[in-house]
Amino acid sequence: MTEPIDDVSKQAKDTGLLIHAASFTGYVFPLGSVLGPLIVWLMKRDEFEFANQCGKNCLNFKLSLMIYAMVSAILILIGVGVILLAALALLDIICTIIAIVKANDGIAYQYPLTIRFIK
């Protein structure tokens, strides 16, 4: 599920950590959970391979969550959508915190339930 990358510099780890942490902007700005990591990833993906992997993993997860949230919003009509949306928000927070800790350790975290849009 997680693979350590050999010889990850402190700056690369910090960039990976920033990519994951930038996704919390989605709780303040609409689409911030995708735009925050996207901006950092686009700026640093060519500079650090570790940041490139973290960016792909984070963006794939956030895009997957957006799809799951849209389906859950539709399911509100039959009553289960509210519970699913709450579960998705909890999953987002927990997994993002785990990804931040793993990035600090130099490990490119593979989020669960992720559809691979960016390979």
PDB file of N, CA and C in Angstrom:
ATOM      1  N   MET A   1       0.816  -1.186   0.000  1.00  0.00           N
ATOM      2  CA  MET A   1       0.000   0.000   0.000  1.00  0.00           C
ATOM      3  C   MET A   1       0.864   1.256   0.000  1.00  0.00           C
ATOM      4  N   THR A   2       1.962   1.266   0.715  1.00  0.00           N
ATOM      5  CA  THR A   2       2.877   2.395   0.708  1.00  0.00           C
ATOM      6  C   THR A   2       4.260   1.905   0.352  1.00  0.00           C
ATOM      7  N   GLU A   3       4.966   2.708  -0.426  1.00  0.00           N
ATOM      8  CA  GLU A   3       6.313   2.349  -0.821  1.00  0.00           C
ATOM      9  C   GLU A   3       7.266   3.481  -0.494  1.00  0.00           C
ATOM     10  N   PRO A   4       8.303   3.203   0.325  1.00  0.00           N
ATOM     11  CA  PRO A   4       9.274   4.265   0.582  1.00  0.00           C
ATOM     12  C   PRO A   4      10.122   4.513  -0.661  1.00  0.00           C
ATOM     13  N   ILE A   5      10.431   5.750  -0.901  1.00  0.00           N
ATOM     14  CA  ILE A   5      11.294   6.123  -2.009  1.00  0.00           C
ATOM     15  C   ILE A   5      12.675   6.372  -1.426  1.00  0.00           C
ATOM     16  N   ASP A   6      13.685   5.769  -2.023  1.00  0.00           N
ATOM     17  CA  ASP A   6      15.039   5.909  -1.513  1.00  0.00           C
ATOM     18  C   ASP A   6      15.525   7.351  -1.630  1.00  0.00           C
ATOM     19  N   ASP A   7      16.223   7.781  -0.606  1.00  0.00           N
ATOM     20  CA  ASP A   7      16.933   9.050  -0.618  1.00  0.00           C
ATOM     21  C   ASP A   7      16.023  10.243  -0.941  1.00  0.00           C
ATOM     22  N   VAL A   8      14.983  10.415  -0.156  1.00  0.00           N
ATOM     23  CA  VAL A   8      14.081  11.552  -0.330  1.00  0.00           C
ATOM     24  C   VAL A   8      14.627  12.712   0.499  1.00  0.00           C
ATOM     25  N   SER A   9      14.851  13.850  -0.156  1.00  0.00           N
ATOM     26  CA  SER A   9      15.414  15.001   0.538  1.00  0.00           C
ATOM     27  C   SER A   9      14.364  15.639   1.453  1.00  0.00           C
ATOM     28  N   LYS A  10      14.837  16.424   2.377  1.00  0.00           N
ATOM     29  CA  LYS A  10      13.938  17.134   3.301  1.00  0.00           C
ATOM     30  C   LYS A  10      13.008  18.057   2.523  1.00  0.00           C
ATOM     31  N   GLN A  11      13.527  18.714   1.507  1.00  0.00           N
ATOM     32  CA  GLN A  11      12.711  19.631   0.712  1.00  0.00           C
ATOM     33  C   GLN A  11      11.623  18.871  -0.059  1.00  0.00           C
ATOM     34  N   ALA A  12      11.951  17.692  -0.571  1.00  0.00           N
ATOM     35  CA  ALA A  12      10.960  16.873  -1.284  1.00  0.00           C
ATOM     36  C   ALA A  12       9.883  16.393  -0.322  1.00  0.00           C
ATOM     37  N   LYS A  13      10.285  15.987   0.890  1.00  0.00           N
ATOM     38  CA  LYS A  13       9.311  15.567   1.898  1.00  0.00           C
ATOM     39  C   LYS A  13       8.376  16.719   2.266  1.00  0.00           C
ATOM     40  N   ASP A  14       8.951  17.903   2.444  1.00  0.00           N
ATOM     41  CA  ASP A  14       8.140  19.070   2.788  1.00  0.00           C
ATOM     42  C   ASP A  14       7.156  19.412   1.671  1.00  0.00           C
ATOM     43  N   THR A  15       7.601  19.258   0.439  1.00  0.00           N
ATOM     44  CA  THR A  15       6.714  19.530  -0.695  1.00  0.00           C
ATOM     45  C   THR A  15       5.586  18.515  -0.749  1.00  0.00           C
ATOM     46  N   GLY A  16       5.901  17.239  -0.532  1.00  0.00           N
ATOM     47  CA  GLY A  16       4.864  16.206  -0.488  1.00  0.00           C
ATOM     48  C   GLY A  16       3.865  16.464   0.626  1.00  0.00           C
ATOM     49  N   LEU A  17       4.370  16.858   1.770  1.00  0.00           N
ATOM     50  CA  LEU A  17       3.516  17.192   2.906  1.00  0.00           C
ATOM     51  C   LEU A  17       2.613  18.373   2.560  1.00  0.00           C
ATOM     52  N   LEU A  18       3.155  19.378   1.895  1.00  0.00           N
ATOM     53  CA  LEU A  18       2.382  20.557   1.515  1.00  0.00           C
ATOM     54  C   LEU A  18       1.282  20.211   0.512  1.00  0.00           C
ATOM     55  N   ILE A  19       1.573  19.306  -0.398  1.00  0.00           N
ATOM     56  CA  ILE A  19       0.567  18.880  -1.375  1.00  0.00           C
ATOM     57  C   ILE A  19      -0.640  18.285  -0.659  1.00  0.00           C
ATOM     58  N   HIS A  20      -0.373  17.373   0.269  1.00  0.00           N
ATOM     59  CA  HIS A  20      -1.475  16.741   1.003  1.00  0.00           C
ATOM     60  C   HIS A  20      -2.203  17.761   1.884  1.00  0.00           C
ATOM     61  N   ALA A  21      -1.467  18.613   2.568  1.00  0.00           N
ATOM     62  CA  ALA A  21      -2.072  19.598   3.469  1.00  0.00           C
ATOM     63  C   ALA A  21      -2.890  20.634   2.700  1.00  0.00           C
ATOM     64  N   ALA A  22      -2.487  20.928   1.476  1.00  0.00           N
ATOM     65  CA  ALA A  22      -3.209  21.919   0.671  1.00  0.00           C
ATOM     66  C   ALA A  22      -4.633  21.472   0.367  1.00  0.00           C
ATOM     67  N   SER A  23      -4.883  20.173   0.469  1.00  0.00           N
ATOM     68  CA  SER A  23      -6.233  19.689   0.184  1.00  0.00           C
ATOM     69  C   SER A  23      -7.237  20.126   1.249  1.00  0.00           C
ATOM     70  N   PHE A  24      -6.774  20.548   2.416  1.00  0.00           N
ATOM     71  CA  PHE A  24      -7.685  21.031   3.448  1.00  0.00           C
ATOM     72  C   PHE A  24      -8.302  22.382   3.080  1.00  0.00           C
ATOM     73  N   THR A  25      -7.790  23.040   2.049  1.00  0.00           N
ATOM     74  CA  THR A  25      -8.398  24.302   1.612  1.00  0.00           C
ATOM     75  C   THR A  25      -9.815  24.081   1.087  1.00  0.00           C
ATOM     76  N   GLY A  26     -10.149  22.839   0.773  1.00  0.00           N
ATOM     77  CA  GLY A  26     -11.505  22.512   0.328  1.00  0.00           C
ATOM     78  C   GLY A  26     -12.556  22.740   1.389  1.00  0.00           C
ATOM     79  N   TYR A  27     -12.140  22.801   2.639  1.00  0.00           N
ATOM     80  CA  TYR A  27     -13.085  23.072   3.714  1.00  0.00           C
ATOM     81  C   TYR A  27     -13.327  24.574   3.886  1.00  0.00           C
ATOM     82  N   VAL A  28     -12.579  25.387   3.127  1.00  0.00           N
ATOM     83  CA  VAL A  28     -12.736  26.838   3.178  1.00  0.00           C
ATOM     84  C   VAL A  28     -13.238  27.394   1.844  1.00  0.00           C
ATOM     85  N   PHE A  29     -12.679  26.887   0.739  1.00  0.00           N
ATOM     86  CA  PHE A  29     -13.019  27.379  -0.595  1.00  0.00           C
ATOM     87  C   PHE A  29     -13.622  26.257  -1.437  1.00  0.00           C
ATOM     88  N   PRO A  30     -14.622  26.563  -2.239  1.00  0.00           N
ATOM     89  CA  PRO A  30     -15.172  25.541  -3.145  1.00  0.00           C
ATOM     90  C   PRO A  30     -14.078  25.030  -4.097  1.00  0.00           C
ATOM     91  N   LEU A  31     -14.031  23.745  -4.287  1.00  0.00           N
ATOM     92  CA  LEU A  31     -13.046  23.057  -5.130  1.00  0.00           C
ATOM     93  C   LEU A  31     -11.607  23.209  -4.645  1.00  0.00           C
ATOM     94  N   GLY A  32     -11.412  23.755  -3.451  1.00  0.00           N
ATOM     95  CA  GLY A  32     -10.072  23.928  -2.906  1.00  0.00           C
ATOM     96  C   GLY A  32      -9.358  22.624  -2.632  1.00  0.00           C
ATOM     97  N   SER A  33     -10.126  21.559  -2.372  1.00  0.00           N
ATOM     98  CA  SER A  33      -9.493  20.263  -2.091  1.00  0.00           C
ATOM     99  C   SER A  33      -8.801  19.701  -3.321  1.00  0.00           C
ATOM    100  N   VAL A  34      -9.180  20.164  -4.504  1.00  0.00           N
ATOM    101  CA  VAL A  34      -8.511  19.744  -5.741  1.00  0.00           C
ATOM    102  C   VAL A  34      -7.543  20.825  -6.207  1.00  0.00           C
ATOM    103  N   LEU A  35      -7.973  22.076  -6.162  1.00  0.00           N
ATOM    104  CA  LEU A  35      -7.144  23.165  -6.677  1.00  0.00           C
ATOM    105  C   LEU A  35      -5.884  23.406  -5.845  1.00  0.00           C
ATOM    106  N   GLY A  36      -5.975  23.291  -4.527  1.00  0.00           N
ATOM    107  CA  GLY A  36      -4.805  23.485  -3.661  1.00  0.00           C
ATOM    108  C   GLY A  36      -3.678  22.518  -3.995  1.00  0.00           C
ATOM    109  N   PRO A  37      -3.938  21.197  -3.935  1.00  0.00           N
ATOM    110  CA  PRO A  37      -2.887  20.244  -4.282  1.00  0.00           C
ATOM    111  C   PRO A  37      -2.449  20.351  -5.746  1.00  0.00           C
ATOM    112  N   LEU A  38      -3.384  20.672  -6.631  1.00  0.00           N
ATOM    113  CA  LEU A  38      -3.058  20.782  -8.057  1.00  0.00           C
ATOM    114  C   LEU A  38      -2.036  21.879  -8.300  1.00  0.00           C
ATOM    115  N   ILE A  39      -2.225  23.024  -7.663  1.00  0.00           N
ATOM    116  CA  ILE A  39      -1.292  24.141  -7.850  1.00  0.00           C
ATOM    117  C   ILE A  39       0.099  23.777  -7.353  1.00  0.00           C
ATOM    118  N   VAL A  40       0.187  23.214  -6.158  1.00  0.00           N
ATOM    119  CA  VAL A  40       1.494  22.844  -5.603  1.00  0.00           C
ATOM    120  C   VAL A  40       2.135  21.749  -6.456  1.00  0.00           C
ATOM    121  N   TRP A  41       1.344  20.762  -6.864  1.00  0.00           N
ATOM    122  CA  TRP A  41       1.866  19.658  -7.674  1.00  0.00           C
ATOM    123  C   TRP A  41       2.396  20.160  -9.007  1.00  0.00           C
ATOM    124  N   LEU A  42       1.658  21.033  -9.673  1.00  0.00           N
ATOM    125  CA  LEU A  42       2.103  21.550 -10.965  1.00  0.00           C
ATOM    126  C   LEU A  42       3.392  22.360 -10.848  1.00  0.00           C
ATOM    127  N   MET A  43       3.582  23.031  -9.713  1.00  0.00           N
ATOM    128  CA  MET A  43       4.793  23.821  -9.516  1.00  0.00           C
ATOM    129  C   MET A  43       6.009  22.955  -9.211  1.00  0.00           C
ATOM    130  N   LYS A  44       5.822  21.805  -8.557  1.00  0.00           N
ATOM    131  CA  LYS A  44       6.960  21.032  -8.050  1.00  0.00           C
ATOM    132  C   LYS A  44       7.121  19.638  -8.648  1.00  0.00           C
ATOM    133  N   ARG A  45       6.228  19.203  -9.526  1.00  0.00           N
ATOM    134  CA  ARG A  45       6.280  17.817 -10.008  1.00  0.00           C
ATOM    135  C   ARG A  45       7.539  17.504 -10.804  1.00  0.00           C
ATOM    136  N   ASP A  46       8.088  18.477 -11.508  1.00  0.00           N
ATOM    137  CA  ASP A  46       9.305  18.237 -12.285  1.00  0.00           C
ATOM    138  C   ASP A  46      10.561  18.347 -11.433  1.00  0.00           C
ATOM    139  N   GLU A  47      10.440  18.997 -10.305  1.00  0.00           N
ATOM    140  CA  GLU A  47      11.588  19.209  -9.430  1.00  0.00           C
ATOM    141  C   GLU A  47      11.863  17.994  -8.528  1.00  0.00           C
ATOM    142  N   PHE A  48      10.786  17.363  -8.030  1.00  0.00           N
ATOM    143  CA  PHE A  48      10.931  16.230  -7.112  1.00  0.00           C
ATOM    144  C   PHE A  48      10.024  15.084  -7.555  1.00  0.00           C
ATOM    145  N   GLU A  49      10.586  13.905  -7.753  1.00  0.00           N
ATOM    146  CA  GLU A  49       9.783  12.733  -8.104  1.00  0.00           C
ATOM    147  C   GLU A  49       8.836  12.376  -6.967  1.00  0.00           C
ATOM    148  N   PHE A  50       9.290  12.561  -5.733  1.00  0.00           N
ATOM    149  CA  PHE A  50       8.443  12.274  -4.583  1.00  0.00           C
ATOM    150  C   PHE A  50       7.203  13.173  -4.582  1.00  0.00           C
ATOM    151  N   ALA A  51       7.386  14.443  -4.876  1.00  0.00           N
ATOM    152  CA  ALA A  51       6.256  15.376  -4.950  1.00  0.00           C
ATOM    153  C   ALA A  51       5.325  14.991  -6.096  1.00  0.00           C
ATOM    154  N   ASN A  52       5.880  14.510  -7.189  1.00  0.00           N
ATOM    155  CA  ASN A  52       5.069  14.061  -8.321  1.00  0.00           C
ATOM    156  C   ASN A  52       4.164  12.905  -7.903  1.00  0.00           C
ATOM    157  N   GLN A  53       4.712  11.930  -7.199  1.00  0.00           N
ATOM    158  CA  GLN A  53       3.918  10.794  -6.735  1.00  0.00           C
ATOM    159  C   GLN A  53       2.865  11.228  -5.719  1.00  0.00           C
ATOM    160  N   CYS A  54       3.253  12.077  -4.781  1.00  0.00           N
ATOM    161  CA  CYS A  54       2.298  12.561  -3.773  1.00  0.00           C
ATOM    162  C   CYS A  54       1.166  13.327  -4.443  1.00  0.00           C
ATOM    163  N   GLY A  55       1.492  14.145  -5.420  1.00  0.00           N
ATOM    164  CA  GLY A  55       0.479  14.923  -6.121  1.00  0.00           C
ATOM    165  C   GLY A  55      -0.513  14.055  -6.869  1.00  0.00           C
ATOM    166  N   LYS A  56      -0.002  13.056  -7.565  1.00  0.00           N
ATOM    167  CA  LYS A  56      -0.884  12.145  -8.298  1.00  0.00           C
ATOM    168  C   LYS A  56      -1.804  11.401  -7.346  1.00  0.00           C
ATOM    169  N   ASN A  57      -1.227  10.879  -6.258  1.00  0.00           N
ATOM    170  CA  ASN A  57      -2.031  10.140  -5.280  1.00  0.00           C
ATOM    171  C   ASN A  57      -3.105  11.024  -4.663  1.00  0.00           C
ATOM    172  N   CYS A  58      -2.729  12.232  -4.273  1.00  0.00           N
ATOM    173  CA  CYS A  58      -3.668  13.143  -3.627  1.00  0.00           C
ATOM    174  C   CYS A  58      -4.778  13.564  -4.588  1.00  0.00           C
ATOM    175  N   LEU A  59      -4.421  13.954  -5.801  1.00  0.00           N
ATOM    176  CA  LEU A  59      -5.424  14.396  -6.764  1.00  0.00           C
ATOM    177  C   LEU A  59      -6.374  13.278  -7.156  1.00  0.00           C
ATOM    178  N   ASN A  60      -5.844  12.075  -7.343  1.00  0.00           N
ATOM    179  CA  ASN A  60      -6.714  10.944  -7.663  1.00  0.00           C
ATOM    180  C   ASN A  60      -7.726  10.693  -6.549  1.00  0.00           C
ATOM    181  N   PHE A  61      -7.265  10.784  -5.308  1.00  0.00           N
ATOM    182  CA  PHE A  61      -8.158  10.560  -4.169  1.00  0.00           C
ATOM    183  C   PHE A  61      -9.219  11.656  -4.078  1.00  0.00           C
ATOM    184  N   LYS A  62      -8.806  12.907  -4.233  1.00  0.00           N
ATOM    185  CA  LYS A  62      -9.752  14.013  -4.108  1.00  0.00           C
ATOM    186  C   LYS A  62     -10.775  13.996  -5.242  1.00  0.00           C
ATOM    187  N   LEU A  63     -10.354  13.656  -6.456  1.00  0.00           N
ATOM    188  CA  LEU A  63     -11.302  13.542  -7.563  1.00  0.00           C
ATOM    189  C   LEU A  63     -12.271  12.383  -7.333  1.00  0.00           C
ATOM    190  N   SER A  64     -11.747  11.279  -6.805  1.00  0.00           N
ATOM    191  CA  SER A  64     -12.612  10.141  -6.478  1.00  0.00           C
ATOM    192  C   SER A  64     -13.635  10.533  -5.418  1.00  0.00           C
ATOM    193  N   LEU A  65     -13.188  11.259  -4.389  1.00  0.00           N
ATOM    194  CA  LEU A  65     -14.110  11.708  -3.340  1.00  0.00           C
ATOM    195  C   LEU A  65     -15.186  12.627  -3.894  1.00  0.00           C
ATOM    196  N   MET A  66     -14.831  13.466  -4.855  1.00  0.00           N
ATOM    197  CA  MET A  66     -15.830  14.350  -5.459  1.00  0.00           C
ATOM    198  C   MET A  66     -16.930  13.535  -6.147  1.00  0.00           C
ATOM    199  N   ILE A  67     -16.534  12.490  -6.844  1.00  0.00           N
ATOM    200  CA  ILE A  67     -17.510  11.624  -7.509  1.00  0.00           C
ATOM    201  C   ILE A  67     -18.385  10.928  -6.471  1.00  0.00           C
ATOM    202  N   TYR A  68     -17.752  10.388  -5.431  1.00  0.00           N
ATOM    203  CA  TYR A  68     -18.509   9.714  -4.377  1.00  0.00           C
ATOM    204  C   TYR A  68     -19.467  10.684  -3.691  1.00  0.00           C
ATOM    205  N   ALA A  69     -19.046  11.933  -3.496  1.00  0.00           N
ATOM    206  CA  ALA A  69     -19.902  12.931  -2.854  1.00  0.00           C
ATOM    207  C   ALA A  69     -21.099  13.278  -3.738  1.00  0.00           C
ATOM    208  N   MET A  70     -20.881  13.346  -5.044  1.00  0.00           N
ATOM    209  CA  MET A  70     -22.008  13.628  -5.954  1.00  0.00           C
ATOM    210  C   MET A  70     -23.038  12.498  -5.918  1.00  0.00           C
ATOM    211  N   VAL A  71     -22.556  11.270  -5.901  1.00  0.00           N
ATOM    212  CA  VAL A  71     -23.462  10.123  -5.807  1.00  0.00           C
ATOM    213  C   VAL A  71     -24.191  10.158  -4.467  1.00  0.00           C
ATOM    214  N   SER A  72     -23.484  10.463  -3.406  1.00  0.00           N
ATOM    215  CA  SER A  72     -24.100  10.544  -2.077  1.00  0.00           C
ATOM    216  C   SER A  72     -25.141  11.651  -2.020  1.00  0.00           C
ATOM    217  N   ALA A  73     -24.864  12.763  -2.686  1.00  0.00           N
ATOM    218  CA  ALA A  73     -25.832  13.864  -2.713  1.00  0.00           C
ATOM    219  C   ALA A  73     -27.129  13.430  -3.392  1.00  0.00           C
ATOM    220  N   ILE A  74     -27.013  12.642  -4.432  1.00  0.00           N
ATOM    221  CA  ILE A  74     -28.210  12.111  -5.098  1.00  0.00           C
ATOM    222  C   ILE A  74     -28.941  11.144  -4.168  1.00  0.00           C
ATOM    223  N   LEU A  75     -28.178  10.352  -3.416  1.00  0.00           N
ATOM    224  CA  LEU A  75     -28.776   9.368  -2.518  1.00  0.00           C
ATOM    225  C   LEU A  75     -29.441   9.996  -1.291  1.00  0.00           C
ATOM    226  N   ILE A  76     -29.280  11.297  -1.116  1.00  0.00           N
ATOM    227  CA  ILE A  76     -29.992  11.978  -0.028  1.00  0.00           C
ATOM    228  C   ILE A  76     -31.499  11.823  -0.226  1.00  0.00           C
ATOM    229  N   LEU A  77     -31.908  11.721  -1.468  1.00  0.00           N
ATOM    230  CA  LEU A  77     -33.338  11.586  -1.771  1.00  0.00           C
ATOM    231  C   LEU A  77     -33.945  10.321  -1.168  1.00  0.00           C
ATOM    232  N   ILE A  78     -33.132   9.261  -1.008  1.00  0.00           N
ATOM    233  CA  ILE A  78     -33.665   8.043  -0.400  1.00  0.00           C
ATOM    234  C   ILE A  78     -33.214   7.869   1.050  1.00  0.00           C
ATOM    235  N   GLY A  79     -32.497   8.878   1.564  1.00  0.00           N
ATOM    236  CA  GLY A  79     -32.206   8.889   2.987  1.00  0.00           C
ATOM    237  C   GLY A  79     -30.831   8.436   3.431  1.00  0.00           C
ATOM    238  N   VAL A  80     -30.066   7.782   2.593  1.00  0.00           N
ATOM    239  CA  VAL A  80     -28.756   7.287   3.042  1.00  0.00           C
ATOM    240  C   VAL A  80     -27.609   8.226   2.685  1.00  0.00           C
ATOM    241  N   GLY A  81     -27.889   9.223   1.864  1.00  0.00           N
ATOM    242  CA  GLY A  81     -26.848  10.125   1.395  1.00  0.00           C
ATOM    243  C   GLY A  81     -26.193  10.934   2.489  1.00  0.00           C
ATOM    244  N   VAL A  82     -26.957  11.335   3.485  1.00  0.00           N
ATOM    245  CA  VAL A  82     -26.397  12.136   4.577  1.00  0.00           C
ATOM    246  C   VAL A  82     -25.349  11.337   5.338  1.00  0.00           C
ATOM    247  N   ILE A  83     -25.651  10.095   5.606  1.00  0.00           N
ATOM    248  CA  ILE A  83     -24.702   9.229   6.316  1.00  0.00           C
ATOM    249  C   ILE A  83     -23.451   9.007   5.470  1.00  0.00           C
ATOM    250  N   LEU A  84     -23.639   8.785   4.181  1.00  0.00           N
ATOM    251  CA  LEU A  84     -22.495   8.586   3.286  1.00  0.00           C
ATOM    252  C   LEU A  84     -21.625   9.837   3.187  1.00  0.00           C
ATOM    253  N   LEU A  85     -22.253  11.006   3.116  1.00  0.00           N
ATOM    254  CA  LEU A  85     -21.482  12.255   3.060  1.00  0.00           C
ATOM    255  C   LEU A  85     -20.660  12.458   4.335  1.00  0.00           C
ATOM    256  N   ALA A  86     -21.246  12.148   5.469  1.00  0.00           N
ATOM    257  CA  ALA A  86     -20.520  12.258   6.735  1.00  0.00           C
ATOM    258  C   ALA A  86     -19.347  11.272   6.771  1.00  0.00           C
ATOM    259  N   ALA A  87     -19.580  10.063   6.291  1.00  0.00           N
ATOM    260  CA  ALA A  87     -18.515   9.058   6.250  1.00  0.00           C
ATOM    261  C   ALA A  87     -17.393   9.482   5.300  1.00  0.00           C
ATOM    262  N   LEU A  88     -17.759  10.070   4.178  1.00  0.00           N
ATOM    263  CA  LEU A  88     -16.746  10.546   3.223  1.00  0.00           C
ATOM    264  C   LEU A  88     -15.911  11.678   3.817  1.00  0.00           C
ATOM    265  N   ALA A  89     -16.553  12.598   4.532  1.00  0.00           N
ATOM    266  CA  ALA A  89     -15.818  13.695   5.166  1.00  0.00           C
ATOM    267  C   ALA A  89     -14.842  13.158   6.208  1.00  0.00           C
ATOM    268  N   LEU A  90     -15.286  12.191   6.985  1.00  0.00           N
ATOM    269  CA  LEU A  90     -14.411  11.576   7.991  1.00  0.00           C
ATOM    270  C   LEU A  90     -13.256  10.831   7.323  1.00  0.00           C
ATOM    271  N   LEU A  91     -13.554  10.076   6.276  1.00  0.00           N
ATOM    272  CA  LEU A  91     -12.518   9.366   5.529  1.00  0.00           C
ATOM    273  C   LEU A  91     -11.499  10.344   4.948  1.00  0.00           C
ATOM    274  N   ASP A  92     -11.976  11.456   4.423  1.00  0.00           N
ATOM    275  CA  ASP A  92     -11.099  12.477   3.848  1.00  0.00           C
ATOM    276  C   ASP A  92     -10.131  13.021   4.890  1.00  0.00           C
ATOM    277  N   ILE A  93     -10.650  13.396   6.032  1.00  0.00           N
ATOM    278  CA  ILE A  93      -9.812  13.980   7.082  1.00  0.00           C
ATOM    279  C   ILE A  93      -8.791  12.977   7.596  1.00  0.00           C
ATOM    280  N   ILE A  94      -9.237  11.766   7.892  1.00  0.00           N
ATOM    281  CA  ILE A  94      -8.334  10.740   8.443  1.00  0.00           C
ATOM    282  C   ILE A  94      -7.250  10.370   7.443  1.00  0.00           C
ATOM    283  N   CYS A  95      -7.639  10.108   6.213  1.00  0.00           N
ATOM    284  CA  CYS A  95      -6.657   9.688   5.202  1.00  0.00           C
ATOM    285  C   CYS A  95      -5.674  10.796   4.858  1.00  0.00           C
ATOM    286  N   THR A  96      -6.146  12.024   4.855  1.00  0.00           N
ATOM    287  CA  THR A  96      -5.247  13.137   4.558  1.00  0.00           C
ATOM    288  C   THR A  96      -4.222  13.321   5.673  1.00  0.00           C
ATOM    289  N   ILE A  97      -4.650  13.178   6.904  1.00  0.00           N
ATOM    290  CA  ILE A  97      -3.700  13.269   8.022  1.00  0.00           C
ATOM    291  C   ILE A  97      -2.675  12.141   7.946  1.00  0.00           C
ATOM    292  N   ILE A  98      -3.128  10.936   7.630  1.00  0.00           N
ATOM    293  CA  ILE A  98      -2.194   9.812   7.473  1.00  0.00           C
ATOM    294  C   ILE A  98      -1.210  10.102   6.344  1.00  0.00           C
ATOM    295  N   ALA A  99      -1.702  10.648   5.225  1.00  0.00           N
ATOM    296  CA  ALA A  99      -0.832  10.965   4.090  1.00  0.00           C
ATOM    297  C   ALA A  99       0.202  12.021   4.457  1.00  0.00           C
ATOM    298  N   ILE A 100      -0.189  13.005   5.259  1.00  0.00           N
ATOM    299  CA  ILE A 100       0.754  14.036   5.694  1.00  0.00           C
ATOM    300  C   ILE A 100       1.863  13.428   6.533  1.00  0.00           C
ATOM    301  N   VAL A 101       1.494  12.553   7.464  1.00  0.00           N
ATOM    302  CA  VAL A 101       2.492  11.900   8.320  1.00  0.00           C
ATOM    303  C   VAL A 101       3.422  11.013   7.485  1.00  0.00           C
ATOM    304  N   LYS A 102       2.838  10.259   6.553  1.00  0.00           N
ATOM    305  CA  LYS A 102       3.652   9.385   5.691  1.00  0.00           C
ATOM    306  C   LYS A 102       4.590  10.206   4.811  1.00  0.00           C
ATOM    307  N   ALA A 103       4.110  11.332   4.265  1.00  0.00           N
ATOM    308  CA  ALA A 103       4.958  12.181   3.427  1.00  0.00           C
ATOM    309  C   ALA A 103       6.130  12.727   4.230  1.00  0.00           C
ATOM    310  N   ASN A 104       5.882  13.049   5.488  1.00  0.00           N
ATOM    311  CA  ASN A 104       6.959  13.518   6.356  1.00  0.00           C
ATOM    312  C   ASN A 104       8.007  12.436   6.582  1.00  0.00           C
ATOM    313  N   ASP A 105       7.584  11.160   6.484  1.00  0.00           N
ATOM    314  CA  ASP A 105       8.516  10.032   6.620  1.00  0.00           C
ATOM    315  C   ASP A 105       9.137   9.621   5.291  1.00  0.00           C
ATOM    316  N   GLY A 106       8.749  10.288   4.199  1.00  0.00           N
ATOM    317  CA  GLY A 106       9.307   9.962   2.886  1.00  0.00           C
ATOM    318  C   GLY A 106       8.595   8.821   2.187  1.00  0.00           C
ATOM    319  N   ILE A 107       7.330   8.580   2.542  1.00  0.00           N
ATOM    320  CA  ILE A 107       6.549   7.499   1.944  1.00  0.00           C
ATOM    321  C   ILE A 107       5.400   8.109   1.160  1.00  0.00           C
ATOM    322  N   ALA A 108       5.266   7.719  -0.098  1.00  0.00           N
ATOM    323  CA  ALA A 108       4.163   8.191  -0.942  1.00  0.00           C
ATOM    324  C   ALA A 108       2.931   7.349  -0.619  1.00  0.00           C
ATOM    325  N   TYR A 109       2.020   7.906   0.151  1.00  0.00           N
ATOM    326  CA  TYR A 109       0.848   7.191   0.648  1.00  0.00           C
ATOM    327  C   TYR A 109      -0.150   6.932  -0.475  1.00  0.00           C
ATOM    328  N   GLN A 110      -0.625   5.692  -0.545  1.00  0.00           N
ATOM    329  CA  GLN A 110      -1.676   5.305  -1.496  1.00  0.00           C
ATOM    330  C   GLN A 110      -3.012   5.363  -0.758  1.00  0.00           C
ATOM    331  N   TYR A 111      -3.836   6.323  -1.100  1.00  0.00           N
ATOM    332  CA  TYR A 111      -5.143   6.474  -0.464  1.00  0.00           C
ATOM    333  C   TYR A 111      -6.045   5.289  -0.815  1.00  0.00           C
ATOM    334  N   PRO A 112      -6.940   4.898   0.109  1.00  0.00           N
ATOM    335  CA  PRO A 112      -7.900   3.831  -0.204  1.00  0.00           C
ATOM    336  C   PRO A 112      -9.038   4.360  -1.084  1.00  0.00           C
ATOM    337  N   LEU A 113      -9.752   3.457  -1.733  1.00  0.00           N
ATOM    338  CA  LEU A 113     -10.937   3.774  -2.538  1.00  0.00           C
ATOM    339  C   LEU A 113     -10.657   4.790  -3.644  1.00  0.00           C
ATOM    340  N   THR A 114      -9.460   4.750  -4.204  1.00  0.00           N
ATOM    341  CA  THR A 114      -9.051   5.730  -5.192  1.00  0.00           C
ATOM    342  C   THR A 114      -9.194   5.192  -6.607  1.00  0.00           C
ATOM    343  N   ILE A 115      -9.798   6.011  -7.466  1.00  0.00           N
ATOM    344  CA  ILE A 115      -9.846   5.716  -8.902  1.00  0.00           C
ATOM    345  C   ILE A 115      -8.630   6.395  -9.512  1.00  0.00           C
ATOM    346  N   ARG A 116      -7.881   5.683 -10.327  1.00  0.00           N
ATOM    347  CA  ARG A 116      -6.669   6.222 -10.940  1.00  0.00           C
ATOM    348  C   ARG A 116      -7.008   7.044 -12.194  1.00  0.00           C
ATOM    349  N   PHE A 117      -7.143   8.350 -12.034  1.00  0.00           N
ATOM    350  CA  PHE A 117      -7.372   9.237 -13.167  1.00  0.00           C
ATOM    351  C   PHE A 117      -6.034   9.683 -13.757  1.00  0.00           C
ATOM    352  N   ILE A 118      -5.089  10.024 -12.894  1.00  0.00           N
ATOM    353  CA  ILE A 118      -3.765  10.488 -13.297  1.00  0.00           C
ATOM    354  C   ILE A 118      -2.785   9.362 -13.017  1.00  0.00           C
ATOM    355  N   LYS A 119      -2.129   8.899 -14.047  1.00  0.00           N
ATOM    356  CA  LYS A 119      -1.202   7.766 -13.860  1.00  0.00           C
ATOM    357  C   LYS A 119       0.224   8.184 -13.928  1.00  0.00           C
TER     358      LYS A 119
END
